[in-house]
């Protein structure tokens, strides 16, 4: 089967389907008991991401269980700075912890080591394409440079990324130097994912919404546009989904300025905004993940609302952000059945 015949790829090409294809951000994760069993085999999270056997297995688990229309590579946004030589660690209960950003750290970054370091991830992509059902789209991804950089300025996440925002005002040259490195490495990484068998790509900009208008243009739109242009310069047919979370009022600008082929909608995007964006590019989203936790009537209402609001154009059903660990697996099964009309 050619990639353009897969349901998600048909939507990314602008086609409206009778029933939208469905997948979930973070669909391979802690809400699944089979994931937790595999995760226990690799205490270090980055080692887990670089283990082709384990990463392949957990990527396939939700496809086997639910029959999602897309599988997204199991990895992490921080493999890119790690590949460049930026010190990255994961602490239990705290998440990513990076060395605070400095010019000394930036000057040590080495583009030449990127692909050798990320070869296990690309091996996972190749394995996945060989083992996935032919009808299943394989999605690769990277973190948007701003979102990756947010954790680097302070060395960890802060409330509303205050440290990163202050850093962007006080020393924009330092942030620019780091983001330029991330852009270059991300282009290399994404092209390699496509060559390894990924059908399409997603760029996650989880912290785009904390920026003011000037910062949004400088740190979210600008770097994302460079990545999109860089990937398409090498692979013109590439399909790229952008996901600038909490940016409803700026979505039109984001789509038009970055050149993404589709855009993910978080759960705060109003219906009228979503419908206007859908006239420009295919959309993905946007049910509140907490409805999936609650289940029952709340879940049914959320599904039906998304199908109704976005049913007149190209639409990929998804959550407005990643599925959370406390989600009952049976609620996911109920969601898939309702979206597919089973």
C-alpha atoms as a PDB file:
ATOM      1  CA  UNK A   1       0.000   0.000   0.000  1.00  0.00           C
ATOM      2  CA  UNK A   2       1.296   3.437  -0.936  1.00  0.00           C
ATOM      3  CA  UNK A   3       1.501   5.952   1.904  1.00  0.00           C
ATOM      4  CA  UNK A   4      -1.006   8.273   0.232  1.00  0.00           C
ATOM      5  CA  UNK A   5      -3.621   5.499   0.410  1.00  0.00           C
ATOM      6  CA  UNK A   6      -3.445   5.346   4.203  1.00  0.00           C
ATOM      7  CA  UNK A   7      -6.354   7.172   5.826  1.00  0.00           C
ATOM      8  CA  UNK A   8      -4.254   9.714   7.726  1.00  0.00           C
ATOM      9  CA  UNK A   9      -2.247  10.469   4.591  1.00  0.00           C
ATOM     10  CA  UNK A  10      -5.426  10.940   2.594  1.00  0.00           C
ATOM     11  CA  UNK A  11      -6.563  13.548   5.100  1.00  0.00           C
ATOM     12  CA  UNK A  12      -3.161  15.252   5.057  1.00  0.00           C
ATOM     13  CA  UNK A  13      -3.568  15.487   1.281  1.00  0.00           C
ATOM     14  CA  UNK A  14      -6.792  17.441   1.885  1.00  0.00           C
ATOM     15  CA  UNK A  15      -9.408  14.710   1.577  1.00  0.00           C
ATOM     16  CA  UNK A  16     -12.518  14.658   3.757  1.00  0.00           C
ATOM     17  CA  UNK A  17     -13.360  11.120   4.810  1.00  0.00           C
ATOM     18  CA  UNK A  18     -16.751   9.840   5.927  1.00  0.00           C
ATOM     19  CA  UNK A  19     -15.200   8.917   9.280  1.00  0.00           C
ATOM     20  CA  UNK A  20     -11.994  10.633  10.381  1.00  0.00           C
ATOM     21  CA  UNK A  21      -8.925   8.524  11.084  1.00  0.00           C
ATOM     22  CA  UNK A  22      -7.891   8.466  14.735  1.00  0.00           C
ATOM     23  CA  UNK A  23      -4.731   8.328  16.808  1.00  0.00           C
ATOM     24  CA  UNK A  24      -3.656   9.878  20.128  1.00  0.00           C
ATOM     25  CA  UNK A  25      -0.652  11.896  21.155  1.00  0.00           C
ATOM     26  CA  UNK A  26       1.304   9.855  23.756  1.00  0.00           C
ATOM     27  CA  UNK A  27      -0.766   6.808  22.802  1.00  0.00           C
ATOM     28  CA  UNK A  28       2.171   4.600  23.793  1.00  0.00           C
ATOM     29  CA  UNK A  29       2.463   5.328  27.475  1.00  0.00           C
ATOM     30  CA  UNK A  30       1.818   4.796  31.147  1.00  0.00           C
ATOM     31  CA  UNK A  31      -1.950   4.329  30.888  1.00  0.00           C
ATOM     32  CA  UNK A  32      -1.272   0.882  29.355  1.00  0.00           C
ATOM     33  CA  UNK A  33      -0.196  -1.972  31.645  1.00  0.00           C
ATOM     34  CA  UNK A  34       1.781  -3.566  28.825  1.00  0.00           C
ATOM     35  CA  UNK A  35       3.760  -0.339  28.432  1.00  0.00           C
ATOM     36  CA  UNK A  36       4.601  -0.230  32.127  1.00  0.00           C
ATOM     37  CA  UNK A  37       5.850  -3.804  31.963  1.00  0.00           C
ATOM     38  CA  UNK A  38       8.246  -2.980  29.113  1.00  0.00           C
ATOM     39  CA  UNK A  39       9.294   0.345  30.633  1.00  0.00           C
ATOM     40  CA  UNK A  40      10.493  -1.460  33.752  1.00  0.00           C
ATOM     41  CA  UNK A  41      13.171  -3.129  31.645  1.00  0.00           C
ATOM     42  CA  UNK A  42      15.049   0.146  31.114  1.00  0.00           C
ATOM     43  CA  UNK A  43      15.240   2.376  34.212  1.00  0.00           C
ATOM     44  CA  UNK A  44      17.006   5.166  32.303  1.00  0.00           C
ATOM     45  CA  UNK A  45      14.444   6.852  30.048  1.00  0.00           C
ATOM     46  CA  UNK A  46      16.867   7.922  27.325  1.00  0.00           C
ATOM     47  CA  UNK A  47      18.281   4.403  27.195  1.00  0.00           C
ATOM     48  CA  UNK A  48      14.691   3.243  26.736  1.00  0.00           C
ATOM     49  CA  UNK A  49      14.243   5.612  23.779  1.00  0.00           C
ATOM     50  CA  UNK A  50      17.482   4.375  22.188  1.00  0.00           C
ATOM     51  CA  UNK A  51      16.632   0.690  22.603  1.00  0.00           C
ATOM     52  CA  UNK A  52      15.222  -0.296  19.215  1.00  0.00           C
ATOM     53  CA  UNK A  53      13.567  -3.476  20.481  1.00  0.00           C
ATOM     54  CA  UNK A  54      11.796  -1.777  23.387  1.00  0.00           C
ATOM     55  CA  UNK A  55      10.844   1.387  21.480  1.00  0.00           C
ATOM     56  CA  UNK A  56       9.409  -0.687  18.640  1.00  0.00           C
ATOM     57  CA  UNK A  57       7.395  -2.822  21.027  1.00  0.00           C
ATOM     58  CA  UNK A  58       5.770   0.061  22.906  1.00  0.00           C
ATOM     59  CA  UNK A  59       4.981   1.897  19.655  1.00  0.00           C
ATOM     60  CA  UNK A  60       3.138  -1.187  18.402  1.00  0.00           C
ATOM     61  CA  UNK A  61       1.223  -1.867  21.630  1.00  0.00           C
ATOM     62  CA  UNK A  62      -1.608   0.673  21.113  1.00  0.00           C
ATOM     63  CA  UNK A  63      -1.910  -0.348  17.460  1.00  0.00           C
ATOM     64  CA  UNK A  64      -2.451  -3.969  18.455  1.00  0.00           C
ATOM     65  CA  UNK A  65      -4.885  -3.053  21.222  1.00  0.00           C
ATOM     66  CA  UNK A  66      -6.972  -0.362  19.515  1.00  0.00           C
ATOM     67  CA  UNK A  67      -6.250  -0.412  15.779  1.00  0.00           C
ATOM     68  CA  UNK A  68      -5.366   3.277  15.606  1.00  0.00           C
ATOM     69  CA  UNK A  69      -4.923   4.651  12.094  1.00  0.00           C
ATOM     70  CA  UNK A  70      -1.474   6.030  12.917  1.00  0.00           C
ATOM     71  CA  UNK A  71       1.466   4.990  15.038  1.00  0.00           C
ATOM     72  CA  UNK A  72       3.797   7.673  16.285  1.00  0.00           C
ATOM     73  CA  UNK A  73       7.425   6.787  16.859  1.00  0.00           C
ATOM     74  CA  UNK A  74       8.146   6.262  20.545  1.00  0.00           C
ATOM     75  CA  UNK A  75      11.003   8.597  21.399  1.00  0.00           C
ATOM     76  CA  UNK A  76      11.398  11.966  23.104  1.00  0.00           C
ATOM     77  CA  UNK A  77      11.912  15.565  22.049  1.00  0.00           C
ATOM     78  CA  UNK A  78      15.159  15.701  24.018  1.00  0.00           C
ATOM     79  CA  UNK A  79      17.014  13.175  21.897  1.00  0.00           C
ATOM     80  CA  UNK A  80      17.960  16.075  19.588  1.00  0.00           C
ATOM     81  CA  UNK A  81      19.868  18.159  22.155  1.00  0.00           C
ATOM     82  CA  UNK A  82      21.258  14.923  23.578  1.00  0.00           C
ATOM     83  CA  UNK A  83      22.542  13.985  20.125  1.00  0.00           C
ATOM     84  CA  UNK A  84      24.213  17.379  19.816  1.00  0.00           C
ATOM     85  CA  UNK A  85      26.080  16.794  23.055  1.00  0.00           C
ATOM     86  CA  UNK A  86      23.902  18.921  25.340  1.00  0.00           C
ATOM     87  CA  UNK A  87      23.722  17.250  28.787  1.00  0.00           C
ATOM     88  CA  UNK A  88      20.236  15.780  29.337  1.00  0.00           C
ATOM     89  CA  UNK A  89      18.964  13.637  32.209  1.00  0.00           C
ATOM     90  CA  UNK A  90      15.562  12.388  33.289  1.00  0.00           C
ATOM     91  CA  UNK A  91      14.716  12.270  36.985  1.00  0.00           C
ATOM     92  CA  UNK A  92      11.860  10.167  38.312  1.00  0.00           C
ATOM     93  CA  UNK A  93       8.958  12.387  39.305  1.00  0.00           C
ATOM     94  CA  UNK A  94      10.605  15.485  37.844  1.00  0.00           C
ATOM     95  CA  UNK A  95      11.096  14.770  34.162  1.00  0.00           C
ATOM     96  CA  UNK A  96      13.835  16.246  31.955  1.00  0.00           C
ATOM     97  CA  UNK A  97      16.700  18.037  33.661  1.00  0.00           C
ATOM     98  CA  UNK A  98      19.233  19.797  31.448  1.00  0.00           C
ATOM     99  CA  UNK A  99      22.354  21.796  32.117  1.00  0.00           C
ATOM    100  CA  UNK A 100      21.373  25.497  32.289  1.00  0.00           C
ATOM    101  CA  UNK A 101      21.935  27.200  28.948  1.00  0.00           C
ATOM    102  CA  UNK A 102      25.230  29.012  28.491  1.00  0.00           C
ATOM    103  CA  UNK A 103      27.383  30.105  25.580  1.00  0.00           C
ATOM    104  CA  UNK A 104      29.942  27.518  26.685  1.00  0.00           C
ATOM    105  CA  UNK A 105      27.350  24.766  26.285  1.00  0.00           C
ATOM    106  CA  UNK A 106      26.264  26.047  22.869  1.00  0.00           C
ATOM    107  CA  UNK A 107      29.830  26.224  21.615  1.00  0.00           C
ATOM    108  CA  UNK A 108      30.334  22.551  22.497  1.00  0.00           C
ATOM    109  CA  UNK A 109      27.419  21.363  20.346  1.00  0.00           C
ATOM    110  CA  UNK A 110      28.461  19.181  17.424  1.00  0.00           C
ATOM    111  CA  UNK A 111      26.208  18.679  14.409  1.00  0.00           C
ATOM    112  CA  UNK A 112      28.527  15.992  13.053  1.00  0.00           C
ATOM    113  CA  UNK A 113      27.619  13.558  15.828  1.00  0.00           C
ATOM    114  CA  UNK A 114      23.844  13.932  15.448  1.00  0.00           C
ATOM    115  CA  UNK A 115      22.981  11.066  13.137  1.00  0.00           C
ATOM    116  CA  UNK A 116      25.407   8.564  14.575  1.00  0.00           C
ATOM    117  CA  UNK A 117      23.878   9.186  17.999  1.00  0.00           C
ATOM    118  CA  UNK A 118      20.329   8.928  16.661  1.00  0.00           C
ATOM    119  CA  UNK A 119      20.913   5.823  14.548  1.00  0.00           C
ATOM    120  CA  UNK A 120      19.056   3.586  17.067  1.00  0.00           C
ATOM    121  CA  UNK A 121      15.980   5.804  16.700  1.00  0.00           C
ATOM    122  CA  UNK A 122      16.104   5.582  12.918  1.00  0.00           C
ATOM    123  CA  UNK A 123      16.507   1.808  13.253  1.00  0.00           C
ATOM    124  CA  UNK A 124      13.247   1.870  15.235  1.00  0.00           C
ATOM    125  CA  UNK A 125      11.541   3.774  12.419  1.00  0.00           C
ATOM    126  CA  UNK A 126      12.671   1.155   9.915  1.00  0.00           C
ATOM    127  CA  UNK A 127      11.509  -1.704  12.118  1.00  0.00           C
ATOM    128  CA  UNK A 128       8.149  -0.056  12.666  1.00  0.00           C
ATOM    129  CA  UNK A 129       7.493   0.450   8.977  1.00  0.00           C
ATOM    130  CA  UNK A 130       8.249  -3.212   8.373  1.00  0.00           C
ATOM    131  CA  UNK A 131       6.065  -4.464  11.250  1.00  0.00           C
ATOM    132  CA  UNK A 132       3.084  -2.093  11.170  1.00  0.00           C
ATOM    133  CA  UNK A 133      -0.085  -3.049   9.285  1.00  0.00           C
ATOM    134  CA  UNK A 134       0.059  -1.678   5.755  1.00  0.00           C
ATOM    135  CA  UNK A 135      -2.933   0.590   6.388  1.00  0.00           C
ATOM    136  CA  UNK A 136      -1.315   2.280   9.401  1.00  0.00           C
ATOM    137  CA  UNK A 137       0.398   5.626   8.942  1.00  0.00           C
ATOM    138  CA  UNK A 138       3.777   5.963  10.648  1.00  0.00           C
ATOM    139  CA  UNK A 139       4.435   9.398  12.122  1.00  0.00           C
ATOM    140  CA  UNK A 140       7.854  10.730  13.005  1.00  0.00           C
ATOM    141  CA  UNK A 141       8.343  13.849  15.090  1.00  0.00           C
ATOM    142  CA  UNK A 142      10.577  16.363  16.778  1.00  0.00           C
ATOM    143  CA  UNK A 143      10.125  19.011  19.419  1.00  0.00           C
ATOM    144  CA  UNK A 144       9.915  22.591  18.220  1.00  0.00           C
ATOM    145  CA  UNK A 145      13.133  24.461  19.111  1.00  0.00           C
ATOM    146  CA  UNK A 146      11.343  26.881  21.452  1.00  0.00           C
ATOM    147  CA  UNK A 147       9.783  24.084  23.480  1.00  0.00           C
ATOM    148  CA  UNK A 148      13.095  22.209  23.716  1.00  0.00           C
ATOM    149  CA  UNK A 149      14.900  25.416  24.663  1.00  0.00           C
ATOM    150  CA  UNK A 150      12.391  26.184  27.425  1.00  0.00           C
ATOM    151  CA  UNK A 151      13.840  23.356  29.514  1.00  0.00           C
ATOM    152  CA  UNK A 152      17.414  24.385  28.795  1.00  0.00           C
ATOM    153  CA  UNK A 153      17.377  27.994  29.948  1.00  0.00           C
ATOM    154  CA  UNK A 154      16.683  27.117  33.596  1.00  0.00           C
ATOM    155  CA  UNK A 155      17.736  23.484  33.347  1.00  0.00           C
ATOM    156  CA  UNK A 156      14.180  22.287  34.028  1.00  0.00           C
ATOM    157  CA  UNK A 157      10.590  23.342  33.478  1.00  0.00           C
ATOM    158  CA  UNK A 158       9.251  26.376  35.347  1.00  0.00           C
ATOM    159  CA  UNK A 159       5.734  27.737  35.804  1.00  0.00           C
ATOM    160  CA  UNK A 160       4.586  29.214  32.470  1.00  0.00           C
ATOM    161  CA  UNK A 161       8.259  28.918  31.386  1.00  0.00           C
ATOM    162  CA  UNK A 162       9.057  32.189  33.144  1.00  0.00           C
ATOM    163  CA  UNK A 163      12.796  31.492  33.110  1.00  0.00           C
ATOM    164  CA  UNK A 164      12.832  30.883  29.363  1.00  0.00           C
ATOM    165  CA  UNK A 165      10.802  34.001  28.646  1.00  0.00           C
ATOM    166  CA  UNK A 166      13.050  36.183  30.798  1.00  0.00           C
ATOM    167  CA  UNK A 167      16.079  34.595  29.173  1.00  0.00           C
ATOM    168  CA  UNK A 168      14.729  35.361  25.716  1.00  0.00           C
ATOM    169  CA  UNK A 169      14.447  39.042  26.656  1.00  0.00           C
ATOM    170  CA  UNK A 170      17.765  39.357  28.487  1.00  0.00           C
ATOM    171  CA  UNK A 171      19.979  37.407  26.113  1.00  0.00           C
ATOM    172  CA  UNK A 172      18.236  36.794  22.782  1.00  0.00           C
ATOM    173  CA  UNK A 173      21.588  36.199  21.066  1.00  0.00           C
ATOM    174  CA  UNK A 174      22.294  33.185  23.284  1.00  0.00           C
ATOM    175  CA  UNK A 175      18.835  31.721  22.718  1.00  0.00           C
ATOM    176  CA  UNK A 176      19.127  32.326  18.978  1.00  0.00           C
ATOM    177  CA  UNK A 177      22.464  30.527  18.835  1.00  0.00           C
ATOM    178  CA  UNK A 178      21.004  27.507  20.621  1.00  0.00           C
ATOM    179  CA  UNK A 179      17.800  27.439  18.582  1.00  0.00           C
ATOM    180  CA  UNK A 180      19.757  27.676  15.324  1.00  0.00           C
ATOM    181  CA  UNK A 181      21.612  24.526  16.352  1.00  0.00           C
ATOM    182  CA  UNK A 182      18.354  22.779  17.201  1.00  0.00           C
ATOM    183  CA  UNK A 183      16.843  23.791  13.851  1.00  0.00           C
ATOM    184  CA  UNK A 184      19.742  22.331  11.884  1.00  0.00           C
ATOM    185  CA  UNK A 185      19.787  19.078  13.840  1.00  0.00           C
ATOM    186  CA  UNK A 186      15.996  18.745  13.670  1.00  0.00           C
ATOM    187  CA  UNK A 187      16.024  19.021   9.875  1.00  0.00           C
ATOM    188  CA  UNK A 188      18.651  16.281   9.648  1.00  0.00           C
ATOM    189  CA  UNK A 189      16.724  14.100  12.087  1.00  0.00           C
ATOM    190  CA  UNK A 190      13.336  14.517  10.401  1.00  0.00           C
ATOM    191  CA  UNK A 191      14.692  13.819   6.926  1.00  0.00           C
ATOM    192  CA  UNK A 192      16.286  10.641   8.287  1.00  0.00           C
ATOM    193  CA  UNK A 193      12.926   9.595   9.762  1.00  0.00           C
ATOM    194  CA  UNK A 194      11.261  10.054   6.387  1.00  0.00           C
ATOM    195  CA  UNK A 195      13.988   8.077   4.679  1.00  0.00           C
ATOM    196  CA  UNK A 196      13.614   5.369   7.314  1.00  0.00           C
ATOM    197  CA  UNK A 197       9.938   4.891   6.515  1.00  0.00           C
ATOM    198  CA  UNK A 198       7.931   7.591   8.300  1.00  0.00           C
ATOM    199  CA  UNK A 199       4.955   8.696   6.212  1.00  0.00           C
ATOM    200  CA  UNK A 200       4.555  12.112   7.821  1.00  0.00           C
ATOM    201  CA  UNK A 201       5.982  14.228  10.623  1.00  0.00           C
ATOM    202  CA  UNK A 202       4.746  16.287  13.560  1.00  0.00           C
ATOM    203  CA  UNK A 203       6.469  19.228  15.233  1.00  0.00           C
ATOM    204  CA  UNK A 204       5.415  19.623  18.874  1.00  0.00           C
ATOM    205  CA  UNK A 205       5.504  23.190  20.216  1.00  0.00           C
ATOM    206  CA  UNK A 206       3.940  22.567  23.603  1.00  0.00           C
ATOM    207  CA  UNK A 207       5.016  25.926  25.041  1.00  0.00           C
ATOM    208  CA  UNK A 208       4.176  28.189  22.095  1.00  0.00           C
ATOM    209  CA  UNK A 209       1.202  29.586  23.995  1.00  0.00           C
ATOM    210  CA  UNK A 210       3.257  31.270  26.738  1.00  0.00           C
ATOM    211  CA  UNK A 211       4.852  33.701  24.269  1.00  0.00           C
ATOM    212  CA  UNK A 212       3.716  37.244  23.530  1.00  0.00           C
ATOM    213  CA  UNK A 213       3.114  38.298  19.912  1.00  0.00           C
ATOM    214  CA  UNK A 214       6.721  39.298  19.292  1.00  0.00           C
ATOM    215  CA  UNK A 215       8.076  36.165  20.916  1.00  0.00           C
ATOM    216  CA  UNK A 216       5.620  33.925  19.085  1.00  0.00           C
ATOM    217  CA  UNK A 217       6.878  35.241  15.765  1.00  0.00           C
ATOM    218  CA  UNK A 218      10.539  35.076  16.771  1.00  0.00           C
ATOM    219  CA  UNK A 219      10.732  31.832  18.722  1.00  0.00           C
ATOM    220  CA  UNK A 220       7.826  29.684  17.509  1.00  0.00           C
ATOM    221  CA  UNK A 221       6.957  30.690  13.951  1.00  0.00           C
ATOM    222  CA  UNK A 222      10.448  31.519  12.718  1.00  0.00           C
ATOM    223  CA  UNK A 223      12.265  28.325  13.767  1.00  0.00           C
ATOM    224  CA  UNK A 224       9.342  26.120  12.735  1.00  0.00           C
ATOM    225  CA  UNK A 225       9.287  27.731   9.299  1.00  0.00           C
ATOM    226  CA  UNK A 226      13.016  27.036   8.926  1.00  0.00           C
ATOM    227  CA  UNK A 227      12.499  23.379   9.812  1.00  0.00           C
ATOM    228  CA  UNK A 228       9.582  22.989   7.396  1.00  0.00           C
ATOM    229  CA  UNK A 229      11.506  24.695   4.602  1.00  0.00           C
ATOM    230  CA  UNK A 230      14.648  22.700   5.365  1.00  0.00           C
ATOM    231  CA  UNK A 231      12.855  19.353   5.302  1.00  0.00           C
ATOM    232  CA  UNK A 232      10.881  20.174   2.156  1.00  0.00           C
ATOM    233  CA  UNK A 233      13.991  21.418   0.375  1.00  0.00           C
ATOM    234  CA  UNK A 234      15.322  17.865   0.656  1.00  0.00           C
ATOM    235  CA  UNK A 235      12.028  15.940   0.565  1.00  0.00           C
ATOM    236  CA  UNK A 236       9.482  18.123  -1.289  1.00  0.00           C
ATOM    237  CA  UNK A 237       6.584  15.694  -0.810  1.00  0.00           C
ATOM    238  CA  UNK A 238       6.943  15.604   2.992  1.00  0.00           C
ATOM    239  CA  UNK A 239       3.768  16.159   4.996  1.00  0.00           C
ATOM    240  CA  UNK A 240       4.284  18.030   8.269  1.00  0.00           C
ATOM    241  CA  UNK A 241       1.770  18.635  11.065  1.00  0.00           C
ATOM    242  CA  UNK A 242       2.409  21.574  13.377  1.00  0.00           C
ATOM    243  CA  UNK A 243       1.128  21.641  16.944  1.00  0.00           C
ATOM    244  CA  UNK A 244       1.458  25.053  18.638  1.00  0.00           C
ATOM    245  CA  UNK A 245      -0.424  24.381  21.870  1.00  0.00           C
ATOM    246  CA  UNK A 246      -2.540  27.148  23.450  1.00  0.00           C
ATOM    247  CA  UNK A 247      -2.252  29.388  20.381  1.00  0.00           C
ATOM    248  CA  UNK A 248      -5.850  29.576  19.172  1.00  0.00           C
ATOM    249  CA  UNK A 249      -5.781  33.286  18.344  1.00  0.00           C
ATOM    250  CA  UNK A 250      -2.561  32.863  16.362  1.00  0.00           C
ATOM    251  CA  UNK A 251      -3.297  29.652  14.499  1.00  0.00           C
ATOM    252  CA  UNK A 252      -4.009  31.320  11.158  1.00  0.00           C
ATOM    253  CA  UNK A 253      -0.741  33.225  11.326  1.00  0.00           C
ATOM    254  CA  UNK A 254       1.135  30.085  12.375  1.00  0.00           C
ATOM    255  CA  UNK A 255      -0.261  28.004   9.519  1.00  0.00           C
ATOM    256  CA  UNK A 256       0.311  30.618   6.852  1.00  0.00           C
ATOM    257  CA  UNK A 257       3.785  31.623   8.026  1.00  0.00           C
ATOM    258  CA  UNK A 258       5.279  28.207   8.786  1.00  0.00           C
ATOM    259  CA  UNK A 259       4.067  26.300   5.736  1.00  0.00           C
ATOM    260  CA  UNK A 260       2.856  23.271   7.710  1.00  0.00           C
ATOM    261  CA  UNK A 261       0.517  20.936   5.839  1.00  0.00           C
ATOM    262  CA  UNK A 262      -1.854  20.442   8.775  1.00  0.00           C
ATOM    263  CA  UNK A 263      -2.246  21.747  12.287  1.00  0.00           C
ATOM    264  CA  UNK A 264      -3.068  20.167  15.622  1.00  0.00           C
ATOM    265  CA  UNK A 265      -5.735  21.882  17.720  1.00  0.00           C
ATOM    266  CA  UNK A 266      -5.664  21.838  21.505  1.00  0.00           C
ATOM    267  CA  UNK A 267      -8.954  21.577  23.395  1.00  0.00           C
ATOM    268  CA  UNK A 268      -9.239  25.353  23.959  1.00  0.00           C
ATOM    269  CA  UNK A 269      -9.580  26.191  20.255  1.00  0.00           C
ATOM    270  CA  UNK A 270     -13.129  27.506  19.678  1.00  0.00           C
ATOM    271  CA  UNK A 271     -15.279  25.794  17.061  1.00  0.00           C
ATOM    272  CA  UNK A 272     -15.431  28.833  14.797  1.00  0.00           C
ATOM    273  CA  UNK A 273     -11.646  29.188  14.826  1.00  0.00           C
ATOM    274  CA  UNK A 274     -11.162  25.499  14.092  1.00  0.00           C
ATOM    275  CA  UNK A 275     -13.555  25.669  11.162  1.00  0.00           C
ATOM    276  CA  UNK A 276     -11.808  28.708   9.689  1.00  0.00           C
ATOM    277  CA  UNK A 277      -8.417  27.031   9.946  1.00  0.00           C
ATOM    278  CA  UNK A 278      -9.868  23.894   8.364  1.00  0.00           C
ATOM    279  CA  UNK A 279     -10.585  25.923   5.236  1.00  0.00           C
ATOM    280  CA  UNK A 280      -6.827  26.484   4.894  1.00  0.00           C
ATOM    281  CA  UNK A 281      -5.297  23.154   5.973  1.00  0.00           C
ATOM    282  CA  UNK A 282      -6.451  19.830   7.408  1.00  0.00           C
ATOM    283  CA  UNK A 283      -6.856  19.889  11.184  1.00  0.00           C
ATOM    284  CA  UNK A 284      -6.147  17.385  13.934  1.00  0.00           C
ATOM    285  CA  UNK A 285      -7.784  17.272  17.340  1.00  0.00           C
ATOM    286  CA  UNK A 286      -9.225  18.479  19.608  1.00  0.00           C
ATOM    287  CA  UNK A 287     -11.023  16.722  22.452  1.00  0.00           C
ATOM    288  CA  UNK A 288     -10.033  17.522  26.042  1.00  0.00           C
ATOM    289  CA  UNK A 289      -7.974  14.564  27.375  1.00  0.00           C
ATOM    290  CA  UNK A 290      -9.856  14.830  30.676  1.00  0.00           C
ATOM    291  CA  UNK A 291     -13.062  13.745  28.929  1.00  0.00           C
ATOM    292  CA  UNK A 292     -11.253  10.514  28.107  1.00  0.00           C
ATOM    293  CA  UNK A 293     -10.393  10.103  31.785  1.00  0.00           C
ATOM    294  CA  UNK A 294     -13.983  10.780  32.870  1.00  0.00           C
ATOM    295  CA  UNK A 295     -15.603   8.492  30.307  1.00  0.00           C
ATOM    296  CA  UNK A 296     -19.355   8.025  30.054  1.00  0.00           C
ATOM    297  CA  UNK A 297     -21.540  10.857  28.849  1.00  0.00           C
ATOM    298  CA  UNK A 298     -18.713  13.407  29.077  1.00  0.00           C
ATOM    299  CA  UNK A 299     -16.648  11.330  26.669  1.00  0.00           C
ATOM    300  CA  UNK A 300     -19.528  10.755  24.273  1.00  0.00           C
ATOM    301  CA  UNK A 301     -20.369  14.471  24.223  1.00  0.00           C
ATOM    302  CA  UNK A 302     -16.769  15.450  23.528  1.00  0.00           C
ATOM    303  CA  UNK A 303     -16.427  12.980  20.677  1.00  0.00           C
ATOM    304  CA  UNK A 304     -19.700  13.979  19.074  1.00  0.00           C
ATOM    305  CA  UNK A 305     -18.875  17.666  19.353  1.00  0.00           C
ATOM    306  CA  UNK A 306     -15.519  17.242  17.615  1.00  0.00           C
ATOM    307  CA  UNK A 307     -17.052  15.107  14.873  1.00  0.00           C
ATOM    308  CA  UNK A 308     -19.829  17.623  14.357  1.00  0.00           C
ATOM    309  CA  UNK A 309     -17.674  20.758  14.394  1.00  0.00           C
ATOM    310  CA  UNK A 310     -14.927  19.356  12.189  1.00  0.00           C
ATOM    311  CA  UNK A 311     -16.964  16.939  10.090  1.00  0.00           C
ATOM    312  CA  UNK A 312     -17.256  19.146   7.020  1.00  0.00           C
ATOM    313  CA  UNK A 313     -13.564  19.157   6.138  1.00  0.00           C
ATOM    314  CA  UNK A 314     -10.356  17.143   6.358  1.00  0.00           C
ATOM    315  CA  UNK A 315     -10.037  16.028   9.966  1.00  0.00           C
ATOM    316  CA  UNK A 316      -7.871  13.630  11.973  1.00  0.00           C
ATOM    317  CA  UNK A 317      -9.497  12.820  15.305  1.00  0.00           C
ATOM    318  CA  UNK A 318      -7.121  13.265  18.222  1.00  0.00           C
ATOM    319  CA  UNK A 319      -6.986  14.654  21.720  1.00  0.00           C
ATOM    320  CA  UNK A 320      -6.162  18.283  22.344  1.00  0.00           C
ATOM    321  CA  UNK A 321      -2.931  17.113  23.999  1.00  0.00           C
ATOM    322  CA  UNK A 322      -1.418  13.807  25.103  1.00  0.00           C
ATOM    323  CA  UNK A 323      -3.343  11.034  26.814  1.00  0.00           C
ATOM    324  CA  UNK A 324      -2.622  11.147  30.563  1.00  0.00           C
ATOM    325  CA  UNK A 325      -1.460   8.203  32.722  1.00  0.00           C
ATOM    326  CA  UNK A 326      -4.691   7.954  34.763  1.00  0.00           C
ATOM    327  CA  UNK A 327      -6.774   7.278  31.620  1.00  0.00           C
ATOM    328  CA  UNK A 328      -8.699   3.976  31.849  1.00  0.00           C
ATOM    329  CA  UNK A 329      -7.744   1.840  28.822  1.00  0.00           C
ATOM    330  CA  UNK A 330     -11.368   0.798  28.362  1.00  0.00           C
ATOM    331  CA  UNK A 331     -12.327   4.438  27.784  1.00  0.00           C
ATOM    332  CA  UNK A 332      -9.883   4.567  24.890  1.00  0.00           C
ATOM    333  CA  UNK A 333     -11.549   1.505  23.364  1.00  0.00           C
ATOM    334  CA  UNK A 334     -14.937   3.187  23.712  1.00  0.00           C
ATOM    335  CA  UNK A 335     -13.617   6.328  22.024  1.00  0.00           C
ATOM    336  CA  UNK A 336     -12.215   4.408  19.068  1.00  0.00           C
ATOM    337  CA  UNK A 337     -15.493   2.567  18.545  1.00  0.00           C
ATOM    338  CA  UNK A 338     -17.536   5.749  18.636  1.00  0.00           C
ATOM    339  CA  UNK A 339     -15.248   7.660  16.273  1.00  0.00           C
ATOM    340  CA  UNK A 340     -15.230   4.759  13.839  1.00  0.00           C
ATOM    341  CA  UNK A 341     -19.023   4.291  14.151  1.00  0.00           C
ATOM    342  CA  UNK A 342     -18.712   0.670  15.281  1.00  0.00           C
END
